[in-house]
Amino acid sequence: MGQDNSASPFSVVADGSITTPKGFKAGGLHCGLKKTTRHDLGAIVCEVSASAAGVYTTNVFQAAPLAVTRESIGASGKLRAVLVNSGNANACTGKQGEDDAYEMRARFAESIGVPAEHVAVASTGVIGELLKMDKVRGGIDELPVRLAGDRAGADDFCQAILTTDLVQKMVCVELELDGKRVYVAGAAKGSGMIHPNMATMLGFVTTDAAIGSEALQGLLRQATDLTFNMITVDGDTSTNDMLVAMASGLAGNDELTPQHEGWAAFAAALRHVCEVLAKAIARDGEGATKLVEVRVSGAVSDDSAQAIAKTVIGSSLVKSAVFGADANWGRIIAAVGRAGQPVNPETVDIRLGDILTLEQSRPVAFDEEIALEYLKGDTVVIRVDLHGGDGQATAWGCDLTYDYVRINAAYRT
């Protein structure tokens, strides 16, 4: 069993991965899309038709793979596999890009012996360049023998989806439903162009829980709104953002519905997986040195709190102050005030960690040296209490550093 967590209906599986849920294999390899030898083509494959759900970027310019994946999931609500490449976004590539995405789906489906409409496709990397399909075809043909149901296969997949990421991002939890052990796992990539409205963000969730596609879609959307949609690195929403979930049903529990006594527990497990991955993306922001968490309470509604939290976490001035360990609460309250939400300008409290800097919208004397030491840490929590209602929300981001500019000034070259 995983680590005990008596306060939650689930526990973390320390050595778990996206292949821990029953029925899943994964793998990755280098096919030549990247200049380095790091893996750039990967897949997750389920041995049965899995219930599937997906959420996608709201960017008007949507990459070709999104259309393919929407079509696949929309056809039957089932998937057997998801194929992912990094190094090329296949976005803004016209009819040829669409043809290439469909060819990827068809070729991989044939290589593993499943219908084409049971395969999803995702891409990430440089926008506006055609895929080197000769290399992709060779990689697809070789990929099936690289699939494995162990941690090594999962690690190979995680490497294959990275772009400017410095670390792989994966998590797994377990819980009990109807006397059966059920796993929920996830993997993601993202470091720059992160401001999801669903970032270059790709996320993949696997579970062996028995749950229908419609129910899974609803829970995935809820989890996304509270996790992936509450992070930002640089305020840019990608053309390729995608989060796909697959449920094999092989755990043997009774099918999950809102009436199932384990519904809330499964929803909590799914949200936890998404939150861990979302925070990992924020922490791994391009050039970042700190994870920043903004907690807003006392708003007129949760939606209002979310808008304020995302405005504060997305402020370049707040992010720069955190990087410089400057306890500049004025930038925080300015961001609160421009979020376009109802706020009483006379009742706002602001804390940096536990350090009170503003009370009832009036400055409070605090020890600058203590604040400096706190802000030098690798995690900074900003607390904003509006004293205007019961709404609350949390958002995650990172500091803005010199390295962010260096990385993105030469992304293509």
Protein backbone atom coordinates (compact mmCIF):
# COMPACT_ATOMS: atom_id res chain seq x y z
CA MET A 1 0.00 0.00 0.00
CA GLY A 2 1.07 3.64 -0.33
CA GLN A 3 1.90 6.13 2.37
CA ASP A 4 -0.77 6.49 5.01
CA ASN A 5 -2.83 9.65 4.75
CA SER A 6 -5.67 9.28 7.25
CA ALA A 7 -6.99 12.79 6.51
CA SER A 8 -7.74 11.84 2.90
CA PRO A 9 -9.74 9.04 1.25
CA PHE A 10 -6.65 8.15 -0.79
CA SER A 11 -2.94 7.62 -0.24
CA VAL A 12 0.06 8.46 -2.38
CA VAL A 13 1.89 5.57 -4.04
CA ALA A 14 5.51 6.60 -3.68
CA ASP A 15 6.80 4.53 -6.59
CA GLY A 16 3.59 4.68 -8.63
CA SER A 17 3.28 5.86 -12.21
CA ILE A 18 0.87 6.10 -15.14
CA THR A 19 1.34 2.37 -15.68
CA THR A 20 0.33 1.45 -12.12
CA PRO A 21 -3.42 1.37 -12.87
CA LYS A 22 -4.38 -2.02 -14.30
CA GLY A 23 -4.34 -2.37 -18.07
CA PHE A 24 -1.87 0.37 -19.01
CA LYS A 25 1.50 0.33 -20.73
CA ALA A 26 3.65 3.26 -21.79
CA GLY A 27 6.90 3.98 -23.55
CA GLY A 28 8.97 6.49 -25.46
CA LEU A 29 11.91 6.83 -27.82
CA HIS A 30 13.95 9.34 -29.82
CA CYS A 31 12.76 9.51 -33.41
CA GLY A 32 14.67 12.61 -34.47
CA LEU A 33 12.31 15.56 -33.97
CA LYS A 34 14.63 17.07 -31.36
CA LYS A 35 18.20 18.13 -31.94
CA THR A 36 19.20 16.33 -28.76
CA THR A 37 18.90 12.58 -28.22
CA ARG A 38 16.20 12.99 -25.59
CA HIS A 39 13.02 11.00 -26.30
CA ASP A 40 10.52 12.87 -28.48
CA LEU A 41 7.79 10.30 -29.26
CA GLY A 42 5.77 8.42 -26.66
CA ALA A 43 2.50 6.62 -26.06
CA ILE A 44 0.17 5.31 -23.40
CA VAL A 45 -1.78 2.19 -24.42
CA CYS A 46 -4.63 0.43 -22.63
CA GLU A 47 -5.30 -3.28 -23.16
CA VAL A 48 -9.07 -2.66 -23.19
CA SER A 49 -11.31 0.09 -24.49
CA ALA A 50 -11.06 2.73 -21.80
CA SER A 51 -13.65 5.36 -20.96
CA ALA A 52 -12.13 8.64 -22.07
CA ALA A 53 -12.50 12.36 -21.42
CA GLY A 54 -10.62 15.45 -22.53
CA VAL A 55 -10.37 19.19 -22.03
CA TYR A 56 -8.61 21.50 -24.46
CA THR A 57 -7.18 24.97 -24.90
CA THR A 58 -9.54 27.86 -25.55
CA ASN A 59 -6.97 29.53 -27.79
CA VAL A 60 -8.65 30.35 -31.14
CA PHE A 61 -5.66 28.87 -32.97
CA GLN A 62 -5.88 25.20 -32.06
CA ALA A 63 -3.25 22.72 -33.21
CA ALA A 64 -4.21 19.91 -35.57
CA PRO A 65 -3.85 17.12 -32.95
CA LEU A 66 -6.64 18.66 -30.89
CA ALA A 67 -9.12 18.17 -33.72
CA VAL A 68 -8.03 14.56 -34.06
CA THR A 69 -8.34 13.87 -30.35
CA ARG A 70 -11.72 15.60 -30.06
CA GLU A 71 -12.94 13.44 -32.94
CA SER A 72 -11.58 10.24 -31.39
CA ILE A 73 -13.09 10.82 -27.95
CA GLY A 74 -16.30 12.20 -29.42
CA ALA A 75 -16.86 9.12 -31.60
CA SER A 76 -17.55 6.71 -28.75
CA GLY A 77 -16.15 8.11 -25.53
CA LYS A 78 -13.53 5.36 -25.70
CA LEU A 79 -9.77 5.28 -26.26
CA ARG A 80 -7.18 2.56 -26.46
CA ALA A 81 -4.14 4.82 -26.77
CA VAL A 82 -2.72 8.32 -26.87
CA LEU A 83 0.31 9.12 -29.05
CA VAL A 84 2.42 12.18 -28.21
CA ASN A 85 5.34 13.92 -29.84
CA SER A 86 7.48 16.77 -28.56
CA GLY A 87 9.79 19.08 -30.47
CA ASN A 88 7.06 20.21 -32.87
CA ALA A 89 3.59 21.55 -32.01
CA ASN A 90 2.04 20.83 -35.42
CA ALA A 91 0.13 24.10 -34.92
CA CYS A 92 -0.69 26.69 -37.60
CA THR A 93 0.41 24.16 -40.25
CA GLY A 94 -2.71 24.17 -42.42
CA LYS A 95 -4.10 21.21 -44.32
CA GLN A 96 -0.74 19.41 -44.29
CA GLY A 97 -0.63 19.57 -40.51
CA GLU A 98 -4.12 18.08 -40.29
CA ASP A 99 -3.19 15.30 -42.70
CA ASP A 100 -0.05 14.56 -40.66
CA ALA A 101 -2.02 14.34 -37.39
CA TYR A 102 -4.52 11.95 -38.94
CA GLU A 103 -1.70 9.89 -40.41
CA MET A 104 -0.07 9.63 -36.98
CA ARG A 105 -3.36 8.37 -35.54
CA ALA A 106 -3.93 5.83 -38.31
CA ARG A 107 -0.37 4.52 -38.41
CA PHE A 108 -0.11 4.03 -34.65
CA ALA A 109 -3.56 2.43 -34.50
CA GLU A 110 -2.49 -0.06 -37.14
CA SER A 111 0.79 -0.77 -35.36
CA ILE A 112 -1.02 -1.80 -32.16
CA GLY A 113 -4.06 -3.36 -33.86
CA VAL A 114 -6.86 -1.03 -32.77
CA PRO A 115 -9.39 1.15 -34.67
CA ALA A 116 -8.02 4.56 -35.63
CA GLU A 117 -10.83 6.34 -33.79
CA HIS A 118 -9.61 4.78 -30.54
CA VAL A 119 -6.31 6.70 -30.67
CA ALA A 120 -5.75 10.28 -29.46
CA VAL A 121 -2.87 12.44 -30.67
CA ALA A 122 -1.03 15.27 -28.91
CA SER A 123 1.93 17.43 -29.93
CA THR A 124 4.10 20.08 -28.27
CA GLY A 125 7.01 22.23 -29.37
CA VAL A 126 7.67 24.91 -31.94
CA ILE A 127 4.61 26.45 -33.65
CA GLY A 128 4.39 26.83 -37.42
CA GLU A 129 6.75 24.11 -38.62
CA LEU A 130 5.68 20.95 -40.44
CA LEU A 131 6.42 17.64 -38.80
CA LYS A 132 9.30 15.60 -40.16
CA MET A 133 6.95 12.76 -40.99
CA ASP A 134 9.67 10.41 -42.23
CA LYS A 135 11.12 10.43 -38.72
CA VAL A 136 7.69 10.21 -37.08
CA ARG A 137 6.73 7.20 -39.19
CA GLY A 138 9.91 5.36 -38.24
CA GLY A 139 9.33 6.13 -34.57
CA ILE A 140 5.72 4.97 -34.67
CA ASP A 141 6.72 1.67 -36.25
CA GLU A 142 9.31 1.05 -33.52
CA LEU A 143 7.25 2.31 -30.56
CA PRO A 144 5.05 -0.76 -29.88
CA VAL A 145 8.04 -2.89 -28.81
CA ARG A 146 9.08 -0.11 -26.42
CA LEU A 147 5.82 -0.21 -24.46
CA ALA A 148 6.01 -1.63 -20.96
CA GLY A 149 3.74 -1.89 -17.95
CA ASP A 150 6.44 -0.86 -15.49
CA ARG A 151 8.00 2.33 -14.15
CA ALA A 152 10.66 2.31 -16.86
CA GLY A 153 8.01 2.52 -19.57
CA ALA A 154 6.30 5.36 -17.72
CA ASP A 155 9.60 7.23 -17.31
CA ASP A 156 10.34 6.87 -21.03
CA PHE A 157 6.93 8.34 -21.84
CA CYS A 158 7.45 11.24 -19.43
CA GLN A 159 10.78 12.05 -21.05
CA ALA A 160 9.20 11.93 -24.51
CA ILE A 161 6.69 14.70 -23.75
CA LEU A 162 9.13 17.29 -22.35
CA THR A 163 10.24 20.49 -24.08
CA THR A 164 11.93 23.12 -21.88
CA ASP A 165 10.91 21.22 -18.74
CA LEU A 166 13.75 20.53 -16.33
CA VAL A 167 12.01 17.66 -14.52
CA GLN A 168 9.50 14.91 -15.27
CA LYS A 169 6.10 15.26 -13.65
CA MET A 170 4.21 12.16 -12.52
CA VAL A 171 2.05 11.12 -9.54
CA CYS A 172 -0.08 8.15 -8.46
CA VAL A 173 -2.58 7.63 -5.65
CA GLU A 174 -4.69 4.70 -4.51
CA LEU A 175 -8.01 4.34 -2.75
CA GLU A 176 -10.55 1.63 -1.97
CA LEU A 177 -13.89 1.41 -3.74
CA ASP A 178 -16.33 -1.46 -3.14
CA GLY A 179 -13.53 -3.41 -1.46
CA LYS A 180 -11.30 -3.05 -4.54
CA ARG A 181 -7.97 -1.26 -4.75
CA VAL A 182 -8.24 1.55 -7.31
CA TYR A 183 -5.40 3.65 -8.73
CA VAL A 184 -5.44 7.14 -10.23
CA ALA A 185 -2.24 8.37 -11.85
CA GLY A 186 -1.10 11.22 -14.03
CA ALA A 187 1.77 12.66 -16.02
CA ALA A 188 2.20 16.14 -17.46
CA LYS A 189 4.58 18.49 -19.19
CA GLY A 190 4.77 22.25 -19.04
CA SER A 191 7.29 24.94 -18.21
CA GLY A 192 6.68 27.94 -20.46
CA MET A 193 3.69 29.42 -22.33
CA ILE A 194 1.67 28.53 -19.24
CA HIS A 195 -1.66 30.17 -18.53
CA PRO A 196 -4.14 27.35 -19.17
CA ASN A 197 -7.68 28.08 -20.15
CA MET A 198 -8.94 24.50 -20.20
CA ALA A 199 0.41 26.61 -20.85
CA THR A 200 2.31 24.72 -23.24
CA MET A 201 0.63 22.14 -21.12
CA LEU A 202 -0.14 18.51 -21.83
CA GLY A 203 -1.61 16.24 -19.17
CA PHE A 204 -2.55 12.57 -19.12
CA VAL A 205 -4.52 10.72 -16.43
CA THR A 206 -4.88 6.95 -16.17
CA THR A 207 -7.11 5.03 -13.76
CA ASP A 208 -8.42 1.50 -13.46
CA ALA A 209 -11.68 2.68 -11.88
CA ALA A 210 -14.94 1.68 -13.54
CA ILE A 211 -16.56 4.93 -14.63
CA GLY A 212 -18.45 6.02 -17.72
CA SER A 213 -17.10 8.60 -20.15
CA GLU A 214 -19.73 11.21 -19.35
CA ALA A 215 -19.14 10.95 -15.61
CA LEU A 216 -15.38 11.05 -16.12
CA GLN A 217 -15.71 14.13 -18.34
CA GLY A 218 -17.61 15.99 -15.64
CA LEU A 219 -15.09 15.18 -12.92
CA LEU A 220 -12.15 16.02 -15.19
CA ARG A 221 -13.61 19.42 -16.00
CA GLN A 222 -14.20 20.17 -12.30
CA ALA A 223 -10.68 19.10 -11.37
CA THR A 224 -9.19 21.13 -14.22
CA ASP A 225 -10.98 24.31 -13.19
CA LEU A 226 -9.53 24.06 -9.67
CA THR A 227 -6.01 22.99 -10.61
CA PHE A 228 -4.59 23.35 -14.13
CA ASN A 229 -6.74 26.42 -14.77
CA MET A 230 -5.34 28.01 -11.60
CA ILE A 231 -1.68 28.10 -12.61
CA THR A 232 0.33 30.58 -14.61
CA VAL A 233 3.98 31.03 -15.53
CA ASP A 234 3.92 33.79 -18.12
CA GLY A 235 0.29 34.57 -18.97
CA ASP A 236 0.38 32.88 -22.38
CA THR A 237 -2.19 30.26 -23.34
CA SER A 238 -0.86 27.68 -25.80
CA THR A 239 -2.36 26.45 -29.05
CA ASN A 240 -1.84 22.86 -27.85
CA ASP A 241 -3.10 22.61 -24.26
CA MET A 242 -4.76 19.26 -23.71
CA LEU A 243 -5.68 17.04 -20.77
CA VAL A 244 -6.86 13.49 -21.52
CA ALA A 245 -8.10 10.89 -19.03
CA MET A 246 -8.53 7.15 -19.62
CA ALA A 247 -10.29 4.71 -17.28
CA SER A 248 -9.79 0.98 -17.93
CA GLY A 249 -12.39 -0.22 -15.42
CA LEU A 250 -10.18 -3.20 -14.56
CA ALA A 251 -10.16 -2.50 -10.82
CA GLY A 252 -13.53 -4.25 -10.62
CA ASN A 253 -15.45 -1.66 -8.60
CA ASP A 254 -19.11 -0.91 -9.27
CA GLU A 255 -19.39 1.80 -11.91
CA LEU A 256 -18.94 5.22 -10.41
CA THR A 257 -21.88 7.62 -10.57
CA PRO A 258 -22.82 10.60 -8.39
CA GLN A 259 -24.95 8.16 -6.34
CA HIS A 260 -22.01 5.83 -5.61
CA GLU A 261 -20.79 6.13 -2.02
CA GLY A 262 -17.21 6.39 -3.29
CA TRP A 263 -17.94 9.19 -5.78
CA ALA A 264 -16.55 11.98 -3.57
CA ALA A 265 -13.47 9.94 -2.69
CA PHE A 266 -12.66 9.28 -6.35
CA ALA A 267 -13.27 12.94 -7.23
CA ALA A 268 -10.87 13.96 -4.45
CA ALA A 269 -8.23 11.53 -5.71
CA LEU A 270 -8.55 12.83 -9.27
CA ARG A 271 -8.33 16.43 -8.11
CA HIS A 272 -5.24 15.64 -6.03
CA VAL A 273 -3.49 14.09 -9.02
CA CYS A 274 -4.29 17.15 -11.14
CA GLU A 275 -3.21 19.55 -8.37
CA VAL A 276 0.14 17.84 -7.86
CA LEU A 277 0.84 18.00 -11.59
CA ALA A 278 -0.33 21.61 -11.87
CA LYS A 279 1.90 22.71 -8.99
CA ALA A 280 4.81 20.79 -10.50
CA ILE A 281 4.36 22.73 -13.74
CA ALA A 282 4.29 26.04 -11.87
CA ARG A 283 7.39 25.11 -9.86
CA ASP A 284 9.19 24.11 -13.07
CA GLY A 285 8.34 27.38 -14.83
CA GLU A 286 11.03 28.49 -17.24
CA GLY A 287 13.84 30.06 -15.25
CA ALA A 288 11.87 29.83 -12.00
CA THR A 289 13.52 29.63 -8.59
CA LYS A 290 10.37 29.61 -6.44
CA LEU A 291 6.85 28.18 -6.34
CA VAL A 292 4.40 30.96 -5.51
CA GLU A 293 0.98 30.17 -4.04
CA VAL A 294 -1.75 32.80 -3.75
CA ARG A 295 -4.63 32.05 -1.38
CA VAL A 296 -7.62 34.35 -1.57
CA SER A 297 -10.41 34.21 1.01
CA GLY A 298 -13.35 36.39 1.96
CA ALA A 299 -14.43 37.01 -1.64
CA VAL A 300 -18.06 37.39 -2.70
CA SER A 301 -17.89 34.01 -4.47
CA ASP A 302 -15.43 31.27 -5.37
CA ASP A 303 -15.41 32.47 -8.98
CA SER A 304 -14.49 35.96 -7.83
CA ALA A 305 -11.74 34.58 -5.61
CA GLN A 306 -10.37 32.58 -8.56
CA ALA A 307 -10.22 35.67 -10.75
CA ILE A 308 -8.40 37.65 -8.06
CA ALA A 309 -5.96 34.84 -7.26
CA LYS A 310 -5.05 34.41 -10.94
CA THR A 311 -4.59 38.16 -11.36
CA VAL A 312 -2.17 38.32 -8.44
CA ILE A 313 -0.24 35.19 -9.46
CA GLY A 314 0.01 36.48 -13.03
CA SER A 315 1.31 39.95 -12.17
CA SER A 316 4.79 40.45 -13.61
CA LEU A 317 5.49 42.99 -10.86
CA VAL A 318 4.47 40.58 -8.09
CA LYS A 319 6.50 37.79 -9.70
CA SER A 320 9.55 40.07 -10.02
CA ALA A 321 9.26 41.17 -6.39
CA VAL A 322 9.17 37.55 -5.26
CA PHE A 323 12.29 36.82 -7.32
CA GLY A 324 14.06 39.75 -5.66
CA ALA A 325 12.74 38.80 -2.19
CA ASP A 326 11.15 42.25 -1.93
CA ALA A 327 8.18 42.38 0.47
CA ASN A 328 6.35 44.81 -1.81
CA TRP A 329 2.74 44.27 -0.77
CA GLY A 330 1.73 47.34 -2.80
CA ARG A 331 2.06 45.30 -5.98
CA ILE A 332 -0.21 42.65 -4.52
CA ILE A 333 -3.01 45.01 -3.53
CA ALA A 334 -2.74 46.76 -6.91
CA ALA A 335 -3.29 43.41 -8.64
CA VAL A 336 -6.27 42.69 -6.37
CA GLY A 337 -7.76 46.05 -7.30
CA ARG A 338 -7.49 45.54 -11.07
CA ALA A 339 -8.96 42.02 -11.13
CA GLY A 340 -12.39 43.41 -12.02
CA GLN A 341 -14.07 41.84 -8.99
CA PRO A 342 -16.12 43.31 -6.11
CA VAL A 343 -13.69 44.30 -3.36
CA ASN A 344 -14.17 46.63 -0.40
CA PRO A 345 -11.04 48.84 -0.49
CA GLU A 346 -11.23 49.31 3.29
CA THR A 347 -11.16 45.68 4.47
CA VAL A 348 -8.25 43.85 2.81
CA ASP A 349 -5.60 41.91 4.75
CA ILE A 350 -2.36 40.69 3.12
CA ARG A 351 0.16 38.24 4.55
CA LEU A 352 3.44 36.92 3.19
CA GLY A 353 3.43 33.49 4.75
CA ASP A 354 2.43 34.33 8.33
CA ILE A 355 3.82 37.87 8.15
CA LEU A 356 1.01 40.43 8.29
CA THR A 357 1.82 43.38 6.01
CA LEU A 358 -1.59 44.96 5.54
CA GLU A 359 -4.63 44.90 7.83
CA GLN A 360 -7.98 46.41 6.95
CA SER A 361 -6.21 48.00 3.96
CA ARG A 362 -3.73 49.82 6.20
CA PRO A 363 0.03 49.19 6.41
CA VAL A 364 1.30 47.18 9.36
CA ALA A 365 4.82 47.50 10.68
CA PHE A 366 6.75 44.25 10.10
CA ASP A 367 10.35 43.10 10.29
CA GLU A 368 11.84 43.52 6.81
CA GLU A 369 14.70 41.14 7.58
CA ILE A 370 12.31 38.35 8.59
CA ALA A 371 10.26 38.98 5.45
CA LEU A 372 13.44 38.90 3.35
CA GLU A 373 14.44 35.52 4.75
CA TYR A 374 10.96 34.15 4.13
CA LEU A 375 10.90 35.35 0.53
CA LYS A 376 14.30 33.74 -0.10
CA GLY A 377 12.70 30.32 0.41
CA ASP A 378 11.75 28.02 -2.45
CA THR A 379 8.01 28.33 -1.71
CA VAL A 380 6.24 31.63 -1.09
CA VAL A 381 2.61 31.81 0.05
CA ILE A 382 0.68 35.07 -0.40
CA ARG A 383 -2.55 35.27 1.61
CA VAL A 384 -5.25 37.81 0.74
CA ASP A 385 -8.35 38.07 2.95
CA LEU A 386 -10.99 40.40 1.51
CA HIS A 387 -13.47 40.10 4.40
CA GLY A 388 -16.34 40.33 1.95
CA GLY A 389 -17.88 36.87 1.78
CA ASP A 390 -17.22 33.13 1.84
CA GLY A 391 -15.52 32.77 -1.55
CA GLN A 392 -12.04 31.31 -1.64
CA ALA A 393 -9.52 30.03 -4.16
CA THR A 394 -5.86 29.12 -4.57
CA ALA A 395 -3.62 29.77 -7.56
CA TRP A 396 -0.04 28.73 -8.26
CA GLY A 397 2.77 30.27 -10.23
CA CYS A 398 6.45 31.13 -10.03
CA ASP A 399 8.82 34.05 -9.85
CA LEU A 400 9.95 35.96 -12.95
CA THR A 401 13.70 35.70 -13.45
CA TYR A 402 16.42 36.77 -15.86
CA ASP A 403 16.58 33.20 -17.12
CA TYR A 404 12.98 33.31 -18.35
CA VAL A 405 13.97 35.98 -20.87
CA ARG A 406 17.15 34.11 -21.82
CA ILE A 407 15.28 30.86 -22.48
CA ASN A 408 12.51 32.43 -24.54
CA ALA A 409 14.70 34.85 -26.47
CA ALA A 410 16.26 31.89 -28.28
CA TYR A 411 13.52 29.23 -28.15
CA ARG A 412 13.59 28.51 -31.89
CA THR A 413 17.33 28.97 -32.42
